[in-house]
Amino acid sequence: MPKIIIIYDSQTGNTAKMAEFIGRGVEKEKISCRIKKIEETKLEDLKEHQGVIIGSPTYYGQPSSAIKKLLDESVKLHGQLEGKVAAAFSSSANIGGGNETTILGLLQAFLIHGMIIQGTSSGDHYGPVSINQPDKRAEAECLDLGRRVAKLVKKLSKNN
């Protein structure tokens, strides 16, 4: 059975709340979902799941140092994550506070690993964003991301 992991860093609880919403979206598709704080995450977690969703608060337009450290260390897995589904989400304190650049940084790392990313033609195209505490709009975007990633994981798992 396919599995999805949601890894996040959160200092204020905002990114953690987004992870919970995304997890609910995944579970609506009847896929096993694990939510882990970055400090509890090991590189092996990336290999053990068919879907990887990573969320980070935005620091100077980039992912947090803890998330960046995981990505830097993931070079040890180069070539081993190919074909897995990946997605990203972010929170920040301000509109224009760097959410999109944070998400794009995560997506770039996923692409270098050969992972599969599905965008959306509506809403938050690159991945859900929240300004401070997630509002109803951010919650809906997170639920949708969870569902979309789960559906893609299911499709790809059937083809293997």
N, C-alpha and C. Protein backbone atom coordinates (compact mmCIF):
# COMPACT_ATOMS: atom_id res chain seq x y z
N MET A 1 0.84 -1.19 0.00
CA MET A 1 0.00 0.00 0.00
C MET A 1 0.88 1.25 0.00
N PRO A 2 0.57 2.21 -0.85
CA PRO A 2 1.39 3.44 -0.90
C PRO A 2 1.27 4.26 0.37
N LYS A 3 2.35 4.98 0.67
CA LYS A 3 2.40 5.80 1.88
C LYS A 3 2.93 7.20 1.52
N ILE A 4 2.43 8.17 2.26
CA ILE A 4 2.87 9.56 2.09
C ILE A 4 3.37 10.07 3.42
N ILE A 5 4.47 10.82 3.38
CA ILE A 5 4.99 11.47 4.59
C ILE A 5 4.93 12.98 4.39
N ILE A 6 4.51 13.66 5.45
CA ILE A 6 4.50 15.12 5.48
C ILE A 6 5.52 15.53 6.54
N ILE A 7 6.54 16.24 6.10
CA ILE A 7 7.62 16.69 6.97
C ILE A 7 7.52 18.21 7.07
N TYR A 8 7.64 18.73 8.28
CA TYR A 8 7.51 20.19 8.43
C TYR A 8 8.42 20.71 9.53
N ASP A 9 8.71 22.00 9.42
CA ASP A 9 9.36 22.76 10.48
C ASP A 9 8.38 23.85 10.86
N SER A 10 8.26 24.14 12.14
CA SER A 10 7.31 25.17 12.57
C SER A 10 7.75 25.74 13.90
N GLN A 11 7.95 27.02 13.96
CA GLN A 11 8.31 27.69 15.20
C GLN A 11 7.09 28.28 15.89
N THR A 12 6.09 28.70 15.13
CA THR A 12 4.90 29.36 15.69
C THR A 12 3.67 28.46 15.68
N GLY A 13 3.75 27.32 15.01
CA GLY A 13 2.60 26.42 14.90
C GLY A 13 1.83 26.59 13.60
N ASN A 14 2.12 27.62 12.83
CA ASN A 14 1.37 27.86 11.59
C ASN A 14 1.65 26.79 10.53
N THR A 15 2.91 26.47 10.33
CA THR A 15 3.26 25.44 9.34
C THR A 15 2.79 24.07 9.83
N ALA A 16 2.83 23.84 11.12
CA ALA A 16 2.33 22.58 11.69
C ALA A 16 0.84 22.41 11.41
N LYS A 17 0.08 23.47 11.56
CA LYS A 17 -1.36 23.42 11.29
C LYS A 17 -1.61 23.11 9.81
N MET A 18 -0.80 23.69 8.94
CA MET A 18 -0.94 23.40 7.51
C MET A 18 -0.68 21.93 7.24
N ALA A 19 0.33 21.37 7.90
CA ALA A 19 0.65 19.95 7.74
C ALA A 19 -0.54 19.08 8.13
N GLU A 20 -1.22 19.45 9.22
CA GLU A 20 -2.40 18.70 9.66
C GLU A 20 -3.50 18.74 8.60
N PHE A 21 -3.74 19.92 8.03
CA PHE A 21 -4.76 20.05 6.98
C PHE A 21 -4.40 19.19 5.77
N ILE A 22 -3.14 19.23 5.36
CA ILE A 22 -2.70 18.43 4.21
C ILE A 22 -2.89 16.94 4.52
N GLY A 23 -2.56 16.54 5.73
CA GLY A 23 -2.75 15.16 6.14
C GLY A 23 -4.20 14.72 6.04
N ARG A 24 -5.11 15.61 6.41
CA ARG A 24 -6.54 15.29 6.28
C ARG A 24 -6.93 15.08 4.83
N GLY A 25 -6.35 15.90 3.95
CA GLY A 25 -6.62 15.73 2.52
C GLY A 25 -6.13 14.40 2.00
N VAL A 26 -4.93 14.01 2.44
CA VAL A 26 -4.37 12.70 2.05
C VAL A 26 -5.29 11.58 2.52
N GLU A 27 -5.71 11.64 3.77
CA GLU A 27 -6.52 10.59 4.36
C GLU A 27 -7.89 10.46 3.70
N LYS A 28 -8.41 11.55 3.13
CA LYS A 28 -9.68 11.48 2.40
C LYS A 28 -9.58 10.54 1.20
N GLU A 29 -8.36 10.35 0.72
CA GLU A 29 -8.13 9.46 -0.43
C GLU A 29 -7.74 8.04 0.02
N LYS A 30 -7.88 7.78 1.31
CA LYS A 30 -7.62 6.44 1.87
C LYS A 30 -6.17 5.98 1.65
N ILE A 31 -5.24 6.91 1.83
CA ILE A 31 -3.81 6.62 1.72
C ILE A 31 -3.20 6.80 3.11
N SER A 32 -2.27 5.93 3.46
CA SER A 32 -1.57 6.03 4.73
C SER A 32 -0.73 7.31 4.75
N CYS A 33 -0.85 8.07 5.83
CA CYS A 33 -0.16 9.36 5.93
C CYS A 33 0.52 9.48 7.28
N ARG A 34 1.76 9.90 7.23
CA ARG A 34 2.55 10.11 8.44
C ARG A 34 2.99 11.57 8.46
N ILE A 35 2.80 12.25 9.58
CA ILE A 35 3.22 13.64 9.73
C ILE A 35 4.35 13.68 10.74
N LYS A 36 5.49 14.27 10.33
CA LYS A 36 6.67 14.30 11.22
C LYS A 36 7.28 15.69 11.28
N LYS A 37 7.67 16.08 12.47
CA LYS A 37 8.45 17.30 12.65
C LYS A 37 9.83 17.06 12.05
N ILE A 38 10.45 18.11 11.57
CA ILE A 38 11.76 17.98 10.94
C ILE A 38 12.78 17.36 11.89
N GLU A 39 12.73 17.71 13.16
CA GLU A 39 13.72 17.20 14.10
C GLU A 39 13.55 15.70 14.39
N GLU A 40 12.42 15.13 14.00
CA GLU A 40 12.18 13.69 14.16
C GLU A 40 12.41 12.91 12.86
N THR A 41 12.78 13.62 11.81
CA THR A 41 12.88 13.02 10.47
C THR A 41 14.28 12.50 10.20
N LYS A 42 14.33 11.34 9.55
CA LYS A 42 15.58 10.74 9.11
C LYS A 42 15.56 10.65 7.59
N LEU A 43 16.73 10.62 6.98
CA LEU A 43 16.81 10.50 5.52
C LEU A 43 16.04 9.29 5.01
N GLU A 44 16.08 8.19 5.75
CA GLU A 44 15.38 6.97 5.34
C GLU A 44 13.88 7.19 5.15
N ASP A 45 13.32 8.17 5.88
CA ASP A 45 11.89 8.47 5.73
C ASP A 45 11.55 8.85 4.30
N LEU A 46 12.47 9.52 3.62
CA LEU A 46 12.22 9.93 2.24
C LEU A 46 12.14 8.72 1.32
N LYS A 47 12.95 7.72 1.59
CA LYS A 47 12.98 6.51 0.76
C LYS A 47 11.79 5.60 1.00
N GLU A 48 11.26 5.60 2.21
CA GLU A 48 10.23 4.64 2.61
C GLU A 48 8.82 5.03 2.16
N HIS A 49 8.65 6.20 1.59
CA HIS A 49 7.33 6.68 1.21
C HIS A 49 7.27 6.96 -0.29
N GLN A 50 6.09 6.75 -0.86
CA GLN A 50 5.90 7.02 -2.30
C GLN A 50 5.59 8.50 -2.55
N GLY A 51 5.16 9.19 -1.52
CA GLY A 51 4.89 10.62 -1.61
C GLY A 51 5.58 11.36 -0.47
N VAL A 52 6.20 12.49 -0.80
CA VAL A 52 6.90 13.31 0.19
C VAL A 52 6.41 14.75 0.05
N ILE A 53 5.87 15.27 1.14
CA ILE A 53 5.40 16.66 1.15
C ILE A 53 6.17 17.37 2.26
N ILE A 54 6.83 18.46 1.92
CA ILE A 54 7.65 19.19 2.90
C ILE A 54 7.15 20.62 3.03
N GLY A 55 7.02 21.06 4.28
CA GLY A 55 6.58 22.42 4.56
C GLY A 55 7.57 23.15 5.44
N SER A 56 7.74 24.42 5.15
CA SER A 56 8.70 25.22 5.90
C SER A 56 8.19 26.64 6.12
N PRO A 57 8.50 27.20 7.27
CA PRO A 57 8.31 28.64 7.40
C PRO A 57 9.33 29.33 6.49
N THR A 58 9.04 30.54 6.15
CA THR A 58 9.92 31.30 5.26
C THR A 58 10.88 32.15 6.08
N TYR A 59 12.16 31.99 5.80
CA TYR A 59 13.20 32.81 6.42
C TYR A 59 14.01 33.47 5.32
N TYR A 60 13.86 34.77 5.20
CA TYR A 60 14.57 35.52 4.16
C TYR A 60 14.33 34.92 2.78
N GLY A 61 13.09 34.51 2.54
CA GLY A 61 12.71 34.01 1.23
C GLY A 61 13.16 32.59 0.94
N GLN A 62 13.60 31.88 1.97
CA GLN A 62 14.12 30.52 1.79
C GLN A 62 13.54 29.59 2.86
N PRO A 63 13.69 28.28 2.66
CA PRO A 63 13.28 27.33 3.70
C PRO A 63 14.12 27.52 4.96
N SER A 64 13.61 27.05 6.07
CA SER A 64 14.34 27.13 7.34
C SER A 64 15.65 26.35 7.24
N SER A 65 16.57 26.64 8.13
CA SER A 65 17.86 25.95 8.10
C SER A 65 17.71 24.45 8.35
N ALA A 66 16.74 24.05 9.17
CA ALA A 66 16.53 22.62 9.44
C ALA A 66 16.04 21.89 8.19
N ILE A 67 15.14 22.51 7.46
CA ILE A 67 14.64 21.90 6.21
C ILE A 67 15.77 21.88 5.18
N LYS A 68 16.50 22.97 5.08
CA LYS A 68 17.62 23.05 4.14
C LYS A 68 18.67 21.98 4.46
N LYS A 69 18.91 21.74 5.74
CA LYS A 69 19.88 20.72 6.15
C LYS A 69 19.43 19.34 5.66
N LEU A 70 18.14 19.02 5.81
CA LEU A 70 17.63 17.74 5.31
C LEU A 70 17.85 17.62 3.81
N LEU A 71 17.55 18.68 3.09
CA LEU A 71 17.74 18.66 1.63
C LEU A 71 19.21 18.53 1.27
N ASP A 72 20.07 19.23 1.99
CA ASP A 72 21.51 19.12 1.73
C ASP A 72 22.00 17.70 1.98
N GLU A 73 21.54 17.09 3.05
CA GLU A 73 21.94 15.72 3.37
C GLU A 73 21.34 14.70 2.42
N SER A 74 20.24 15.08 1.77
CA SER A 74 19.57 14.14 0.85
C SER A 74 20.41 13.83 -0.38
N VAL A 75 21.52 14.52 -0.57
CA VAL A 75 22.43 14.19 -1.66
C VAL A 75 22.88 12.73 -1.54
N LYS A 76 22.90 12.21 -0.33
CA LYS A 76 23.26 10.80 -0.11
C LYS A 76 22.27 9.85 -0.76
N LEU A 77 21.07 10.35 -1.05
CA LEU A 77 20.02 9.54 -1.67
C LEU A 77 19.87 9.82 -3.16
N HIS A 78 20.81 10.57 -3.70
CA HIS A 78 20.69 10.97 -5.10
C HIS A 78 20.45 9.75 -5.99
N GLY A 79 19.38 9.82 -6.78
CA GLY A 79 19.00 8.72 -7.67
C GLY A 79 18.03 7.74 -7.03
N GLN A 80 17.88 7.79 -5.72
CA GLN A 80 17.02 6.83 -5.02
C GLN A 80 15.59 7.34 -4.80
N LEU A 81 15.34 8.60 -5.10
CA LEU A 81 14.00 9.17 -4.91
C LEU A 81 13.28 9.37 -6.24
N GLU A 82 13.92 9.00 -7.31
CA GLU A 82 13.37 9.19 -8.65
C GLU A 82 12.00 8.54 -8.77
N GLY A 83 11.04 9.30 -9.31
CA GLY A 83 9.69 8.79 -9.54
C GLY A 83 8.74 8.93 -8.37
N LYS A 84 9.24 9.35 -7.21
CA LYS A 84 8.35 9.58 -6.07
C LYS A 84 7.63 10.91 -6.28
N VAL A 85 6.44 11.03 -5.72
CA VAL A 85 5.66 12.26 -5.83
C VAL A 85 6.11 13.21 -4.72
N ALA A 86 6.25 14.48 -5.05
CA ALA A 86 6.68 15.48 -4.07
C ALA A 86 5.84 16.74 -4.17
N ALA A 87 5.73 17.44 -3.05
CA ALA A 87 5.01 18.72 -3.01
C ALA A 87 5.56 19.54 -1.84
N ALA A 88 5.23 20.83 -1.85
CA ALA A 88 5.75 21.74 -0.84
C ALA A 88 4.69 22.74 -0.40
N PHE A 89 4.89 23.28 0.81
CA PHE A 89 4.01 24.33 1.32
C PHE A 89 4.82 25.23 2.25
N SER A 90 4.30 26.44 2.49
CA SER A 90 5.07 27.40 3.28
C SER A 90 4.17 28.40 3.98
N SER A 91 4.69 28.96 5.05
CA SER A 91 4.02 30.05 5.75
C SER A 91 5.03 31.18 5.98
N SER A 92 4.50 32.38 6.08
CA SER A 92 5.34 33.54 6.37
C SER A 92 4.54 34.57 7.14
N ALA A 93 5.19 35.62 7.55
CA ALA A 93 4.54 36.66 8.34
C ALA A 93 3.87 37.73 7.48
N ASN A 94 4.25 37.80 6.19
CA ASN A 94 3.76 38.89 5.36
C ASN A 94 3.37 38.44 3.96
N ILE A 95 2.44 39.16 3.37
CA ILE A 95 2.16 38.97 1.94
C ILE A 95 3.42 39.42 1.22
N GLY A 96 3.87 38.66 0.26
CA GLY A 96 5.12 38.98 -0.40
C GLY A 96 6.32 38.71 0.49
N GLY A 97 6.14 37.88 1.51
CA GLY A 97 7.20 37.60 2.47
C GLY A 97 8.13 36.48 2.06
N GLY A 98 7.96 35.95 0.84
CA GLY A 98 8.88 34.93 0.35
C GLY A 98 8.32 33.53 0.28
N ASN A 99 7.00 33.38 0.47
CA ASN A 99 6.42 32.04 0.40
C ASN A 99 6.72 31.33 -0.92
N GLU A 100 6.51 32.00 -2.02
CA GLU A 100 6.71 31.33 -3.31
C GLU A 100 8.17 30.98 -3.54
N THR A 101 9.09 31.84 -3.14
CA THR A 101 10.51 31.50 -3.34
C THR A 101 10.92 30.34 -2.43
N THR A 102 10.32 30.27 -1.25
CA THR A 102 10.59 29.13 -0.36
C THR A 102 10.10 27.84 -1.00
N ILE A 103 8.88 27.85 -1.50
CA ILE A 103 8.32 26.65 -2.15
C ILE A 103 9.13 26.29 -3.38
N LEU A 104 9.49 27.27 -4.18
CA LEU A 104 10.27 26.97 -5.39
C LEU A 104 11.63 26.35 -5.04
N GLY A 105 12.24 26.80 -3.94
CA GLY A 105 13.49 26.20 -3.51
C GLY A 105 13.32 24.72 -3.18
N LEU A 106 12.22 24.39 -2.52
CA LEU A 106 11.93 22.99 -2.21
C LEU A 106 11.66 22.20 -3.50
N LEU A 107 10.86 22.77 -4.39
CA LEU A 107 10.54 22.08 -5.64
C LEU A 107 11.78 21.84 -6.49
N GLN A 108 12.71 22.79 -6.48
CA GLN A 108 13.95 22.61 -7.24
C GLN A 108 14.72 21.40 -6.72
N ALA A 109 14.80 21.25 -5.41
CA ALA A 109 15.50 20.08 -4.84
C ALA A 109 14.79 18.79 -5.25
N PHE A 110 13.46 18.80 -5.24
CA PHE A 110 12.71 17.61 -5.63
C PHE A 110 12.98 17.25 -7.10
N LEU A 111 13.03 18.26 -7.94
CA LEU A 111 13.28 18.01 -9.36
C LEU A 111 14.68 17.44 -9.59
N ILE A 112 15.65 17.92 -8.84
CA ILE A 112 17.01 17.39 -8.95
C ILE A 112 17.05 15.92 -8.55
N HIS A 113 16.19 15.54 -7.63
CA HIS A 113 16.08 14.13 -7.22
C HIS A 113 15.29 13.29 -8.23
N GLY A 114 14.70 13.94 -9.24
CA GLY A 114 13.91 13.20 -10.22
C GLY A 114 12.50 12.89 -9.73
N MET A 115 12.04 13.66 -8.77
CA MET A 115 10.71 13.44 -8.21
C MET A 115 9.65 14.08 -9.10
N ILE A 116 8.42 13.66 -8.93
CA ILE A 116 7.30 14.13 -9.75
C ILE A 116 6.51 15.16 -8.95
N ILE A 117 6.29 16.32 -9.56
CA ILE A 117 5.56 17.40 -8.92
C ILE A 117 4.33 17.72 -9.75
N GLN A 118 3.19 17.81 -9.08
CA GLN A 118 1.96 18.19 -9.78
C GLN A 118 1.54 19.55 -9.28
N GLY A 119 1.48 20.51 -10.17
CA GLY A 119 0.99 21.84 -9.82
C GLY A 119 -0.53 21.86 -9.91
N THR A 120 -1.09 23.03 -9.81
CA THR A 120 -2.53 23.18 -9.98
C THR A 120 -2.79 24.45 -10.78
N SER A 121 -3.83 24.40 -11.60
CA SER A 121 -4.15 25.55 -12.44
C SER A 121 -4.98 26.59 -11.70
N SER A 122 -5.38 26.29 -10.48
CA SER A 122 -6.15 27.26 -9.69
C SER A 122 -5.54 27.38 -8.30
N GLY A 123 -5.81 28.47 -7.65
CA GLY A 123 -5.33 28.65 -6.28
C GLY A 123 -3.83 28.86 -6.20
N ASP A 124 -3.22 28.26 -5.20
CA ASP A 124 -1.78 28.39 -4.97
C ASP A 124 -1.06 27.41 -5.90
N HIS A 125 -0.62 27.89 -7.04
CA HIS A 125 -0.10 27.05 -8.12
C HIS A 125 1.07 26.16 -7.71
N TYR A 126 1.99 26.68 -6.94
CA TYR A 126 3.21 25.94 -6.59
C TYR A 126 3.02 25.08 -5.34
N GLY A 127 2.13 25.49 -4.48
CA GLY A 127 1.86 24.81 -3.22
C GLY A 127 1.19 25.79 -2.28
N PRO A 128 0.48 25.30 -1.27
CA PRO A 128 -0.24 26.18 -0.36
C PRO A 128 0.67 27.12 0.41
N VAL A 129 0.17 28.34 0.61
CA VAL A 129 0.87 29.33 1.42
C VAL A 129 -0.09 29.89 2.46
N SER A 130 0.48 30.31 3.57
CA SER A 130 -0.30 30.93 4.62
C SER A 130 0.43 32.16 5.10
N ILE A 131 -0.33 33.21 5.34
CA ILE A 131 0.22 34.40 5.96
C ILE A 131 -0.19 34.34 7.42
N ASN A 132 0.79 34.15 8.29
CA ASN A 132 0.54 33.90 9.72
C ASN A 132 -0.30 32.64 9.87
N GLN A 133 -1.27 32.66 10.78
CA GLN A 133 -2.08 31.47 11.03
C GLN A 133 -2.93 31.14 9.80
N PRO A 134 -2.99 29.86 9.40
CA PRO A 134 -3.77 29.50 8.21
C PRO A 134 -5.25 29.88 8.37
N ASP A 135 -5.77 30.59 7.36
CA ASP A 135 -7.18 30.94 7.34
C ASP A 135 -7.94 29.87 6.55
N LYS A 136 -9.22 30.12 6.29
CA LYS A 136 -10.06 29.14 5.58
C LYS A 136 -9.54 28.91 4.15
N ARG A 137 -9.03 29.95 3.51
CA ARG A 137 -8.49 29.80 2.16
C ARG A 137 -7.28 28.87 2.19
N ALA A 138 -6.36 29.11 3.10
CA ALA A 138 -5.16 28.28 3.22
C ALA A 138 -5.55 26.84 3.58
N GLU A 139 -6.52 26.69 4.47
CA GLU A 139 -6.98 25.35 4.84
C GLU A 139 -7.49 24.60 3.61
N ALA A 140 -8.30 25.26 2.80
CA ALA A 140 -8.84 24.62 1.58
C ALA A 140 -7.71 24.25 0.62
N GLU A 141 -6.72 25.12 0.48
CA GLU A 141 -5.58 24.83 -0.41
C GLU A 141 -4.79 23.63 0.11
N CYS A 142 -4.63 23.54 1.41
CA CYS A 142 -3.90 22.42 2.01
C CYS A 142 -4.65 21.11 1.82
N LEU A 143 -5.94 21.11 2.08
CA LEU A 143 -6.75 19.90 1.88
C LEU A 143 -6.66 19.44 0.43
N ASP A 144 -6.74 20.41 -0.49
CA ASP A 144 -6.66 20.09 -1.91
C ASP A 144 -5.30 19.50 -2.28
N LEU A 145 -4.22 20.07 -1.75
CA LEU A 145 -2.89 19.53 -2.04
C LEU A 145 -2.79 18.08 -1.56
N GLY A 146 -3.26 17.82 -0.35
CA GLY A 146 -3.22 16.46 0.17
C GLY A 146 -3.97 15.49 -0.73
N ARG A 147 -5.14 15.88 -1.18
CA ARG A 147 -5.94 15.02 -2.07
C ARG A 147 -5.23 14.80 -3.40
N ARG A 148 -4.70 15.87 -3.98
CA ARG A 148 -4.04 15.76 -5.29
C ARG A 148 -2.80 14.87 -5.23
N VAL A 149 -1.99 15.04 -4.19
CA VAL A 149 -0.80 14.20 -4.06
C VAL A 149 -1.21 12.74 -3.86
N ALA A 150 -2.20 12.51 -3.02
CA ALA A 150 -2.66 11.13 -2.77
C ALA A 150 -3.19 10.50 -4.06
N LYS A 151 -3.96 11.24 -4.82
CA LYS A 151 -4.50 10.70 -6.09
C LYS A 151 -3.37 10.34 -7.05
N LEU A 152 -2.36 11.19 -7.14
CA LEU A 152 -1.25 10.92 -8.04
C LEU A 152 -0.44 9.71 -7.56
N VAL A 153 -0.22 9.62 -6.25
CA VAL A 153 0.49 8.46 -5.70
C VAL A 153 -0.28 7.18 -6.04
N LYS A 154 -1.59 7.21 -5.89
CA LYS A 154 -2.41 6.02 -6.20
C LYS A 154 -2.29 5.66 -7.67
N LYS A 155 -2.38 6.64 -8.55
CA LYS A 155 -2.27 6.37 -9.99
C LYS A 155 -0.92 5.74 -10.34
N LEU A 156 0.14 6.32 -9.81
CA LEU A 156 1.48 5.81 -10.12
C LEU A 156 1.71 4.44 -9.51
N SER A 157 1.14 4.19 -8.34
CA SER A 157 1.30 2.88 -7.70
C SER A 157 0.60 1.78 -8.48
N LYS A 158 -0.53 2.10 -9.11
CA LYS A 158 -1.26 1.13 -9.93
C LYS A 158 -0.47 0.74 -11.16
N ASN A 159 0.32 1.69 -11.67
CA ASN A 159 1.08 1.46 -12.91
C ASN A 159 2.38 0.70 -12.67
N ASN A 160 2.75 0.50 -11.43
CA ASN A 160 4.02 -0.20 -11.14
C ASN A 160 3.81 -1.65 -10.80
